[in-house]
């Protein structure tokens, strides 16, 4: 099993009528409104930074899980500021993997190839400045990738890539003379965001997680091991009643032998070592 935490910063026009970002459950002011931002959407995202991320970090520590933290370049820069020293120290002390999206949560189809490349390069620099190391893997914001993304991921030195959603096994692609391990982000319907609109409760989602896990575990016992990825947005999964369900699901999984809990970089390195 592998766990990924999209920890993001959104563009300046987020929660306005000009934004293409998702804001489920919020009223967005019309273009002619004197005040043009939905502050409910903005402050909901702030919950992830103020509260939710701490609750998720506590959960990972409790279950001795190393997650793949998936940050924007801007978020990496924010963590490097003096006022976030305690949070940065906690993140570093737990030994999680540092992976990235682009510089800000802007969908890549809005970028030219040069702009998408610049976004990656700015992000890599932000990680080096804050964490002292490069990000290991890449996901396009909203996994809205382009036909340039694979080449840019390889050129910029990422080991794994999470955008394609076409398999329940990691696999390797080549770009030029470089190999990139594809580790799909999450199977549709298994993500925490599917509870956000209110059409599913967290316990509905836990039932889906259990069914997904049980099927994959059965296939593994038959000699065809698979991987199961769970994603936790801090402003979604960091809400108490959602975190509670996550912990109950982890208790369920812990009742099974032969489960490897690994950040994505360990999975990617294993596949590269096998030469698949």
C-alpha atoms as a PDB file:
ATOM      1  CA  UNK A   1       0.000   0.000   0.000  1.00  0.00           C
ATOM      2  CA  UNK A   2       1.104   3.518  -0.679  1.00  0.00           C
ATOM      3  CA  UNK A   3      -0.221   6.826   0.638  1.00  0.00           C
ATOM      4  CA  UNK A   4       0.022  10.205  -1.048  1.00  0.00           C
ATOM      5  CA  UNK A   5      -0.840  13.631   0.395  1.00  0.00           C
ATOM      6  CA  UNK A   6      -1.617  16.383  -2.134  1.00  0.00           C
ATOM      7  CA  UNK A   7      -0.686  19.521  -0.174  1.00  0.00           C
ATOM      8  CA  UNK A   8      -1.397  22.400  -2.470  1.00  0.00           C
ATOM      9  CA  UNK A   9      -1.534  26.138  -3.144  1.00  0.00           C
ATOM     10  CA  UNK A  10      -4.020  27.461  -5.679  1.00  0.00           C
ATOM     11  CA  UNK A  11      -3.737  30.284  -8.236  1.00  0.00           C
ATOM     12  CA  UNK A  12      -4.568  33.871  -7.321  1.00  0.00           C
ATOM     13  CA  UNK A  13      -7.907  33.702  -9.130  1.00  0.00           C
ATOM     14  CA  UNK A  14      -9.046  30.641  -7.169  1.00  0.00           C
ATOM     15  CA  UNK A  15     -12.688  30.816  -6.010  1.00  0.00           C
ATOM     16  CA  UNK A  16     -13.566  33.516  -8.534  1.00  0.00           C
ATOM     17  CA  UNK A  17     -15.659  33.267 -11.702  1.00  0.00           C
ATOM     18  CA  UNK A  18     -12.440  33.367 -13.752  1.00  0.00           C
ATOM     19  CA  UNK A  19     -11.013  30.244 -12.145  1.00  0.00           C
ATOM     20  CA  UNK A  20     -11.239  26.770 -13.663  1.00  0.00           C
ATOM     21  CA  UNK A  21     -10.470  25.102 -10.315  1.00  0.00           C
ATOM     22  CA  UNK A  22     -13.008  22.864  -8.600  1.00  0.00           C
ATOM     23  CA  UNK A  23     -14.887  24.437  -5.681  1.00  0.00           C
ATOM     24  CA  UNK A  24     -17.573  21.873  -4.906  1.00  0.00           C
ATOM     25  CA  UNK A  25     -20.283  23.072  -2.543  1.00  0.00           C
ATOM     26  CA  UNK A  26     -19.429  26.778  -2.718  1.00  0.00           C
ATOM     27  CA  UNK A  27     -21.188  29.724  -4.318  1.00  0.00           C
ATOM     28  CA  UNK A  28     -18.854  31.610  -6.639  1.00  0.00           C
ATOM     29  CA  UNK A  29     -19.675  35.318  -7.048  1.00  0.00           C
ATOM     30  CA  UNK A  30     -20.796  36.326 -10.551  1.00  0.00           C
ATOM     31  CA  UNK A  31     -18.405  38.359 -12.742  1.00  0.00           C
ATOM     32  CA  UNK A  32     -20.199  41.646 -11.926  1.00  0.00           C
ATOM     33  CA  UNK A  33     -20.116  41.171  -8.134  1.00  0.00           C
ATOM     34  CA  UNK A  34     -18.389  44.020  -6.225  1.00  0.00           C
ATOM     35  CA  UNK A  35     -16.488  41.331  -4.279  1.00  0.00           C
ATOM     36  CA  UNK A  36     -15.437  38.483  -6.548  1.00  0.00           C
ATOM     37  CA  UNK A  37     -14.045  35.714  -4.293  1.00  0.00           C
ATOM     38  CA  UNK A  38     -15.740  32.911  -2.385  1.00  0.00           C
ATOM     39  CA  UNK A  39     -14.150  33.218   1.025  1.00  0.00           C
ATOM     40  CA  UNK A  40     -15.809  29.999   2.174  1.00  0.00           C
ATOM     41  CA  UNK A  41     -13.848  28.067  -0.473  1.00  0.00           C
ATOM     42  CA  UNK A  42     -10.623  29.862   0.415  1.00  0.00           C
ATOM     43  CA  UNK A  43     -10.913  29.356   4.166  1.00  0.00           C
ATOM     44  CA  UNK A  44     -11.911  25.717   3.669  1.00  0.00           C
ATOM     45  CA  UNK A  45      -8.546  25.128   1.991  1.00  0.00           C
ATOM     46  CA  UNK A  46      -6.836  27.002   4.812  1.00  0.00           C
ATOM     47  CA  UNK A  47      -8.212  24.376   7.190  1.00  0.00           C
ATOM     48  CA  UNK A  48      -5.809  21.890   5.658  1.00  0.00           C
ATOM     49  CA  UNK A  49      -2.781  23.992   6.625  1.00  0.00           C
ATOM     50  CA  UNK A  50      -4.022  25.102  10.042  1.00  0.00           C
ATOM     51  CA  UNK A  51      -5.449  21.788  11.264  1.00  0.00           C
ATOM     52  CA  UNK A  52      -5.773  18.968   8.750  1.00  0.00           C
ATOM     53  CA  UNK A  53      -2.115  18.348   7.946  1.00  0.00           C
ATOM     54  CA  UNK A  54      -1.278  17.960  11.632  1.00  0.00           C
ATOM     55  CA  UNK A  55      -4.019  15.338  12.045  1.00  0.00           C
ATOM     56  CA  UNK A  56      -2.733  13.396   9.054  1.00  0.00           C
ATOM     57  CA  UNK A  57       0.867  13.570  10.296  1.00  0.00           C
ATOM     58  CA  UNK A  58      -0.311  12.254  13.670  1.00  0.00           C
ATOM     59  CA  UNK A  59      -2.060   9.385  11.888  1.00  0.00           C
ATOM     60  CA  UNK A  60       1.027   8.461   9.880  1.00  0.00           C
ATOM     61  CA  UNK A  61       3.148   8.545  13.020  1.00  0.00           C
ATOM     62  CA  UNK A  62       0.652   6.389  14.937  1.00  0.00           C
ATOM     63  CA  UNK A  63       0.680   3.716  12.220  1.00  0.00           C
ATOM     64  CA  UNK A  64       4.380   4.075  11.369  1.00  0.00           C
ATOM     65  CA  UNK A  65       3.603   4.972   7.757  1.00  0.00           C
ATOM     66  CA  UNK A  66       5.947   6.829   5.427  1.00  0.00           C
ATOM     67  CA  UNK A  67       3.785   8.760   2.973  1.00  0.00           C
ATOM     68  CA  UNK A  68       4.592  10.533  -0.261  1.00  0.00           C
ATOM     69  CA  UNK A  69       3.980  14.224   0.383  1.00  0.00           C
ATOM     70  CA  UNK A  70       2.941  15.876  -2.879  1.00  0.00           C
ATOM     71  CA  UNK A  71       3.597  19.616  -2.701  1.00  0.00           C
ATOM     72  CA  UNK A  72       3.417  22.561  -5.076  1.00  0.00           C
ATOM     73  CA  UNK A  73       6.580  24.595  -5.435  1.00  0.00           C
ATOM     74  CA  UNK A  74       4.788  27.459  -3.689  1.00  0.00           C
ATOM     75  CA  UNK A  75       3.879  25.179  -0.784  1.00  0.00           C
ATOM     76  CA  UNK A  76       7.524  24.132  -0.458  1.00  0.00           C
ATOM     77  CA  UNK A  77       8.475  27.814  -0.341  1.00  0.00           C
ATOM     78  CA  UNK A  78       5.851  28.448   2.343  1.00  0.00           C
ATOM     79  CA  UNK A  79       7.226  25.633   4.487  1.00  0.00           C
ATOM     80  CA  UNK A  80      10.658  27.249   4.277  1.00  0.00           C
ATOM     81  CA  UNK A  81       9.439  30.430   5.968  1.00  0.00           C
ATOM     82  CA  UNK A  82      10.356  31.112   9.594  1.00  0.00           C
ATOM     83  CA  UNK A  83       6.733  31.038  10.797  1.00  0.00           C
ATOM     84  CA  UNK A  84       6.394  27.430   9.592  1.00  0.00           C
ATOM     85  CA  UNK A  85       9.566  26.136  11.238  1.00  0.00           C
ATOM     86  CA  UNK A  86       7.692  23.821  13.632  1.00  0.00           C
ATOM     87  CA  UNK A  87       5.661  22.238  10.851  1.00  0.00           C
ATOM     88  CA  UNK A  88       8.728  21.791   8.654  1.00  0.00           C
ATOM     89  CA  UNK A  89      10.625  20.207  11.545  1.00  0.00           C
ATOM     90  CA  UNK A  90       7.756  17.768  12.157  1.00  0.00           C
ATOM     91  CA  UNK A  91       7.567  16.819   8.477  1.00  0.00           C
ATOM     92  CA  UNK A  92      11.312  16.238   8.294  1.00  0.00           C
ATOM     93  CA  UNK A  93      11.410  14.243  11.535  1.00  0.00           C
ATOM     94  CA  UNK A  94       8.896  11.697  10.222  1.00  0.00           C
ATOM     95  CA  UNK A  95      10.944  10.836   7.128  1.00  0.00           C
ATOM     96  CA  UNK A  96       8.244  11.135   4.498  1.00  0.00           C
ATOM     97  CA  UNK A  97       8.999  11.229   0.782  1.00  0.00           C
ATOM     98  CA  UNK A  98       8.998  14.613  -0.980  1.00  0.00           C
ATOM     99  CA  UNK A  99       7.257  14.581  -4.343  1.00  0.00           C
ATOM    100  CA  UNK A 100       5.723  17.411  -6.316  1.00  0.00           C
ATOM    101  CA  UNK A 101       3.055  18.858  -8.492  1.00  0.00           C
ATOM    102  CA  UNK A 102       3.818  21.997 -10.496  1.00  0.00           C
ATOM    103  CA  UNK A 103       4.707  25.343  -9.020  1.00  0.00           C
ATOM    104  CA  UNK A 104       1.076  26.235  -8.290  1.00  0.00           C
ATOM    105  CA  UNK A 105      -2.163  24.290  -8.729  1.00  0.00           C
ATOM    106  CA  UNK A 106      -2.726  25.346 -12.340  1.00  0.00           C
ATOM    107  CA  UNK A 107      -3.884  22.725 -14.814  1.00  0.00           C
ATOM    108  CA  UNK A 108      -1.136  21.872 -17.287  1.00  0.00           C
ATOM    109  CA  UNK A 109      -3.390  22.162 -20.330  1.00  0.00           C
ATOM    110  CA  UNK A 110      -3.237  25.912 -19.712  1.00  0.00           C
ATOM    111  CA  UNK A 111       0.531  25.837 -20.289  1.00  0.00           C
ATOM    112  CA  UNK A 112       2.728  25.741 -23.354  1.00  0.00           C
ATOM    113  CA  UNK A 113       5.559  23.214 -23.241  1.00  0.00           C
ATOM    114  CA  UNK A 114       7.946  25.949 -22.125  1.00  0.00           C
ATOM    115  CA  UNK A 115       5.602  27.089 -19.351  1.00  0.00           C
ATOM    116  CA  UNK A 116       5.070  23.543 -18.094  1.00  0.00           C
ATOM    117  CA  UNK A 117       8.838  23.037 -18.051  1.00  0.00           C
ATOM    118  CA  UNK A 118       9.380  26.317 -16.203  1.00  0.00           C
ATOM    119  CA  UNK A 119       6.796  25.274 -13.594  1.00  0.00           C
ATOM    120  CA  UNK A 120       8.705  22.056 -12.914  1.00  0.00           C
ATOM    121  CA  UNK A 121      12.077  23.776 -12.733  1.00  0.00           C
ATOM    122  CA  UNK A 122      10.830  26.448 -10.297  1.00  0.00           C
ATOM    123  CA  UNK A 123       9.326  23.692  -8.180  1.00  0.00           C
ATOM    124  CA  UNK A 124      12.537  21.673  -8.081  1.00  0.00           C
ATOM    125  CA  UNK A 125      14.471  24.746  -6.942  1.00  0.00           C
ATOM    126  CA  UNK A 126      11.899  25.422  -4.201  1.00  0.00           C
ATOM    127  CA  UNK A 127      12.319  21.853  -2.911  1.00  0.00           C
ATOM    128  CA  UNK A 128      16.085  22.101  -2.946  1.00  0.00           C
ATOM    129  CA  UNK A 129      15.941  25.383  -1.018  1.00  0.00           C
ATOM    130  CA  UNK A 130      13.500  24.115   1.625  1.00  0.00           C
ATOM    131  CA  UNK A 131      14.262  20.400   1.986  1.00  0.00           C
ATOM    132  CA  UNK A 132      17.797  20.234   0.621  1.00  0.00           C
ATOM    133  CA  UNK A 133      16.745  17.647  -1.966  1.00  0.00           C
ATOM    134  CA  UNK A 134      14.864  17.299  -5.223  1.00  0.00           C
ATOM    135  CA  UNK A 135      11.319  15.948  -5.437  1.00  0.00           C
ATOM    136  CA  UNK A 136      11.257  12.276  -6.403  1.00  0.00           C
ATOM    137  CA  UNK A 137       7.993  11.967  -8.314  1.00  0.00           C
ATOM    138  CA  UNK A 138       5.499  14.120 -10.188  1.00  0.00           C
ATOM    139  CA  UNK A 139       1.750  14.565 -10.578  1.00  0.00           C
ATOM    140  CA  UNK A 140       0.226  17.259 -12.762  1.00  0.00           C
ATOM    141  CA  UNK A 141      -2.244  19.418 -10.799  1.00  0.00           C
ATOM    142  CA  UNK A 142      -5.601  17.703 -11.082  1.00  0.00           C
ATOM    143  CA  UNK A 143      -3.667  15.031 -13.059  1.00  0.00           C
ATOM    144  CA  UNK A 144      -4.526  17.148 -16.108  1.00  0.00           C
ATOM    145  CA  UNK A 145      -1.353  16.287 -17.998  1.00  0.00           C
ATOM    146  CA  UNK A 146      -0.401  17.051 -21.592  1.00  0.00           C
ATOM    147  CA  UNK A 147       1.416  15.227 -24.373  1.00  0.00           C
ATOM    148  CA  UNK A 148       4.565  17.044 -23.206  1.00  0.00           C
ATOM    149  CA  UNK A 149       4.432  15.922 -19.584  1.00  0.00           C
ATOM    150  CA  UNK A 150       6.185  12.554 -19.817  1.00  0.00           C
ATOM    151  CA  UNK A 151       9.153  14.026 -21.695  1.00  0.00           C
ATOM    152  CA  UNK A 152       9.425  16.902 -19.211  1.00  0.00           C
ATOM    153  CA  UNK A 153       9.180  14.558 -16.217  1.00  0.00           C
ATOM    154  CA  UNK A 154      12.092  12.544 -17.635  1.00  0.00           C
ATOM    155  CA  UNK A 155      14.147  15.607 -18.622  1.00  0.00           C
ATOM    156  CA  UNK A 156      13.726  17.141 -15.170  1.00  0.00           C
ATOM    157  CA  UNK A 157      14.954  14.018 -13.396  1.00  0.00           C
ATOM    158  CA  UNK A 158      11.812  12.670 -11.740  1.00  0.00           C
ATOM    159  CA  UNK A 159      11.842   8.942 -10.946  1.00  0.00           C
ATOM    160  CA  UNK A 160       8.096   8.289 -10.988  1.00  0.00           C
ATOM    161  CA  UNK A 161       4.992   9.818 -12.525  1.00  0.00           C
ATOM    162  CA  UNK A 162       1.413   9.454 -11.274  1.00  0.00           C
ATOM    163  CA  UNK A 163      -0.785  10.979 -13.989  1.00  0.00           C
ATOM    164  CA  UNK A 164      -1.874   7.978 -16.117  1.00  0.00           C
ATOM    165  CA  UNK A 165      -4.846   6.139 -14.614  1.00  0.00           C
ATOM    166  CA  UNK A 166      -4.703   3.106 -16.882  1.00  0.00           C
ATOM    167  CA  UNK A 167      -3.432   0.258 -14.677  1.00  0.00           C
ATOM    168  CA  UNK A 168      -3.461  -1.158 -11.165  1.00  0.00           C
ATOM    169  CA  UNK A 169       0.188  -2.125 -11.438  1.00  0.00           C
ATOM    170  CA  UNK A 170       3.138   0.237 -11.764  1.00  0.00           C
ATOM    171  CA  UNK A 171       4.928   0.064 -15.110  1.00  0.00           C
ATOM    172  CA  UNK A 172       7.866   1.711 -16.868  1.00  0.00           C
ATOM    173  CA  UNK A 173       7.864   4.166 -19.764  1.00  0.00           C
ATOM    174  CA  UNK A 174      10.872   5.524 -21.593  1.00  0.00           C
ATOM    175  CA  UNK A 175      11.532   9.031 -22.829  1.00  0.00           C
ATOM    176  CA  UNK A 176      14.760   9.490 -24.704  1.00  0.00           C
ATOM    177  CA  UNK A 177      17.220   7.299 -22.850  1.00  0.00           C
ATOM    178  CA  UNK A 178      15.522   7.727 -19.460  1.00  0.00           C
ATOM    179  CA  UNK A 179      13.098   5.423 -17.675  1.00  0.00           C
ATOM    180  CA  UNK A 180      10.135   6.728 -15.685  1.00  0.00           C
ATOM    181  CA  UNK A 181       8.047   4.485 -13.424  1.00  0.00           C
ATOM    182  CA  UNK A 182       4.318   5.138 -13.772  1.00  0.00           C
ATOM    183  CA  UNK A 183       2.560   4.682 -10.417  1.00  0.00           C
ATOM    184  CA  UNK A 184      -1.079   5.653 -11.037  1.00  0.00           C
ATOM    185  CA  UNK A 185      -2.409   8.252  -8.625  1.00  0.00           C
ATOM    186  CA  UNK A 186      -5.623   6.601  -7.494  1.00  0.00           C
ATOM    187  CA  UNK A 187      -8.433   4.493  -8.904  1.00  0.00           C
ATOM    188  CA  UNK A 188     -11.509   6.605  -9.631  1.00  0.00           C
ATOM    189  CA  UNK A 189     -13.992   6.456  -6.755  1.00  0.00           C
ATOM    190  CA  UNK A 190     -11.393   5.414  -4.159  1.00  0.00           C
ATOM    191  CA  UNK A 191     -10.155   8.950  -3.496  1.00  0.00           C
ATOM    192  CA  UNK A 192     -11.049  11.111  -0.515  1.00  0.00           C
ATOM    193  CA  UNK A 193     -12.318  13.838  -2.851  1.00  0.00           C
ATOM    194  CA  UNK A 194     -15.282  11.616  -3.744  1.00  0.00           C
ATOM    195  CA  UNK A 195     -16.735  12.310  -0.277  1.00  0.00           C
ATOM    196  CA  UNK A 196     -16.314  16.054  -0.659  1.00  0.00           C
ATOM    197  CA  UNK A 197     -19.472  16.775  -2.624  1.00  0.00           C
ATOM    198  CA  UNK A 198     -21.585  15.044  -0.017  1.00  0.00           C
ATOM    199  CA  UNK A 199     -22.889  12.254  -2.266  1.00  0.00           C
ATOM    200  CA  UNK A 200     -20.850   9.720  -0.275  1.00  0.00           C
ATOM    201  CA  UNK A 201     -20.157   9.531   3.399  1.00  0.00           C
ATOM    202  CA  UNK A 202     -16.696   8.580   4.653  1.00  0.00           C
ATOM    203  CA  UNK A 203     -18.113   5.240   5.769  1.00  0.00           C
ATOM    204  CA  UNK A 204     -19.409   4.626   2.263  1.00  0.00           C
ATOM    205  CA  UNK A 205     -15.891   5.319   1.085  1.00  0.00           C
ATOM    206  CA  UNK A 206     -14.417   2.943   3.666  1.00  0.00           C
ATOM    207  CA  UNK A 207     -16.642   0.203   2.267  1.00  0.00           C
ATOM    208  CA  UNK A 208     -15.195   0.894  -1.186  1.00  0.00           C
ATOM    209  CA  UNK A 209     -11.665   0.852   0.230  1.00  0.00           C
ATOM    210  CA  UNK A 210     -12.297  -2.512   1.897  1.00  0.00           C
ATOM    211  CA  UNK A 211     -13.720  -4.042  -1.268  1.00  0.00           C
ATOM    212  CA  UNK A 212     -10.799  -2.710  -3.294  1.00  0.00           C
ATOM    213  CA  UNK A 213      -8.271  -3.982  -0.772  1.00  0.00           C
ATOM    214  CA  UNK A 214      -9.913  -7.395  -0.419  1.00  0.00           C
ATOM    215  CA  UNK A 215      -9.988  -7.973  -4.174  1.00  0.00           C
ATOM    216  CA  UNK A 216      -6.365  -6.893  -4.645  1.00  0.00           C
ATOM    217  CA  UNK A 217      -5.240  -8.943  -1.651  1.00  0.00           C
ATOM    218  CA  UNK A 218      -6.986 -12.031  -3.050  1.00  0.00           C
ATOM    219  CA  UNK A 219      -5.257 -11.552  -6.401  1.00  0.00           C
ATOM    220  CA  UNK A 220      -1.950 -11.179  -4.593  1.00  0.00           C
ATOM    221  CA  UNK A 221      -2.477 -14.466  -2.773  1.00  0.00           C
ATOM    222  CA  UNK A 222      -3.056 -16.081  -6.178  1.00  0.00           C
ATOM    223  CA  UNK A 223       0.380 -14.897  -7.299  1.00  0.00           C
ATOM    224  CA  UNK A 224      -0.524 -11.597  -8.966  1.00  0.00           C
ATOM    225  CA  UNK A 225       0.388  -8.858  -6.458  1.00  0.00           C
ATOM    226  CA  UNK A 226      -1.037  -5.384  -6.987  1.00  0.00           C
ATOM    227  CA  UNK A 227      -0.642  -1.998  -5.373  1.00  0.00           C
ATOM    228  CA  UNK A 228      -3.308   0.095  -3.656  1.00  0.00           C
ATOM    229  CA  UNK A 229      -2.899   3.861  -3.452  1.00  0.00           C
ATOM    230  CA  UNK A 230      -4.820   6.124  -1.097  1.00  0.00           C
ATOM    231  CA  UNK A 231      -4.718   9.910  -1.343  1.00  0.00           C
ATOM    232  CA  UNK A 232      -5.475  12.278   1.520  1.00  0.00           C
ATOM    233  CA  UNK A 233      -5.961  16.006   0.935  1.00  0.00           C
ATOM    234  CA  UNK A 234      -5.311  17.809   4.240  1.00  0.00           C
ATOM    235  CA  UNK A 235      -8.418  19.990   3.929  1.00  0.00           C
ATOM    236  CA  UNK A 236     -10.568  16.906   3.178  1.00  0.00           C
ATOM    237  CA  UNK A 237      -9.130  13.935   5.057  1.00  0.00           C
ATOM    238  CA  UNK A 238      -7.845  16.091   7.903  1.00  0.00           C
ATOM    239  CA  UNK A 239     -11.420  16.723   9.082  1.00  0.00           C
ATOM    240  CA  UNK A 240     -11.979  14.688  12.283  1.00  0.00           C
ATOM    241  CA  UNK A 241     -14.761  12.360  11.123  1.00  0.00           C
ATOM    242  CA  UNK A 242     -12.861  11.534   7.943  1.00  0.00           C
ATOM    243  CA  UNK A 243      -9.588  10.905   9.777  1.00  0.00           C
ATOM    244  CA  UNK A 244     -11.440   8.605  12.143  1.00  0.00           C
ATOM    245  CA  UNK A 245     -12.525   6.420   9.241  1.00  0.00           C
ATOM    246  CA  UNK A 246      -8.999   6.385   7.808  1.00  0.00           C
ATOM    247  CA  UNK A 247      -7.697   5.025  11.095  1.00  0.00           C
ATOM    248  CA  UNK A 248     -10.390   2.354  11.222  1.00  0.00           C
ATOM    249  CA  UNK A 249      -9.484   1.273   7.705  1.00  0.00           C
ATOM    250  CA  UNK A 250      -5.797   1.113   8.599  1.00  0.00           C
ATOM    251  CA  UNK A 251      -6.702  -1.079  11.579  1.00  0.00           C
ATOM    252  CA  UNK A 252      -8.518  -3.381   9.149  1.00  0.00           C
ATOM    253  CA  UNK A 253      -5.547  -3.549   6.781  1.00  0.00           C
ATOM    254  CA  UNK A 254      -3.169  -4.220   9.662  1.00  0.00           C
ATOM    255  CA  UNK A 255      -5.131  -7.400  10.297  1.00  0.00           C
ATOM    256  CA  UNK A 256      -3.654  -8.870   7.091  1.00  0.00           C
ATOM    257  CA  UNK A 257      -0.170 -10.271   6.582  1.00  0.00           C
ATOM    258  CA  UNK A 258       1.932  -9.755   3.443  1.00  0.00           C
ATOM    259  CA  UNK A 259       1.155  -6.056   2.999  1.00  0.00           C
ATOM    260  CA  UNK A 260       4.056  -3.766   2.083  1.00  0.00           C
ATOM    261  CA  UNK A 261       3.578  -0.162   3.236  1.00  0.00           C
ATOM    262  CA  UNK A 262       5.860   1.910   1.042  1.00  0.00           C
ATOM    263  CA  UNK A 263       6.258   5.471  -0.191  1.00  0.00           C
ATOM    264  CA  UNK A 264       6.181   5.662  -3.958  1.00  0.00           C
ATOM    265  CA  UNK A 265       9.912   6.125  -4.380  1.00  0.00           C
ATOM    266  CA  UNK A 266      10.517   2.702  -2.812  1.00  0.00           C
ATOM    267  CA  UNK A 267       8.036   1.115  -5.214  1.00  0.00           C
ATOM    268  CA  UNK A 268       9.629   2.907  -8.168  1.00  0.00           C
ATOM    269  CA  UNK A 269      13.144   1.885  -7.180  1.00  0.00           C
ATOM    270  CA  UNK A 270      12.040  -1.740  -6.754  1.00  0.00           C
ATOM    271  CA  UNK A 271      10.572  -1.804 -10.272  1.00  0.00           C
ATOM    272  CA  UNK A 272      13.667  -0.226 -11.752  1.00  0.00           C
ATOM    273  CA  UNK A 273      15.866  -2.766  -9.964  1.00  0.00           C
ATOM    274  CA  UNK A 274      13.815  -5.632 -11.405  1.00  0.00           C
ATOM    275  CA  UNK A 275      14.295  -4.203 -14.888  1.00  0.00           C
ATOM    276  CA  UNK A 276      10.626  -4.329 -15.790  1.00  0.00           C
END
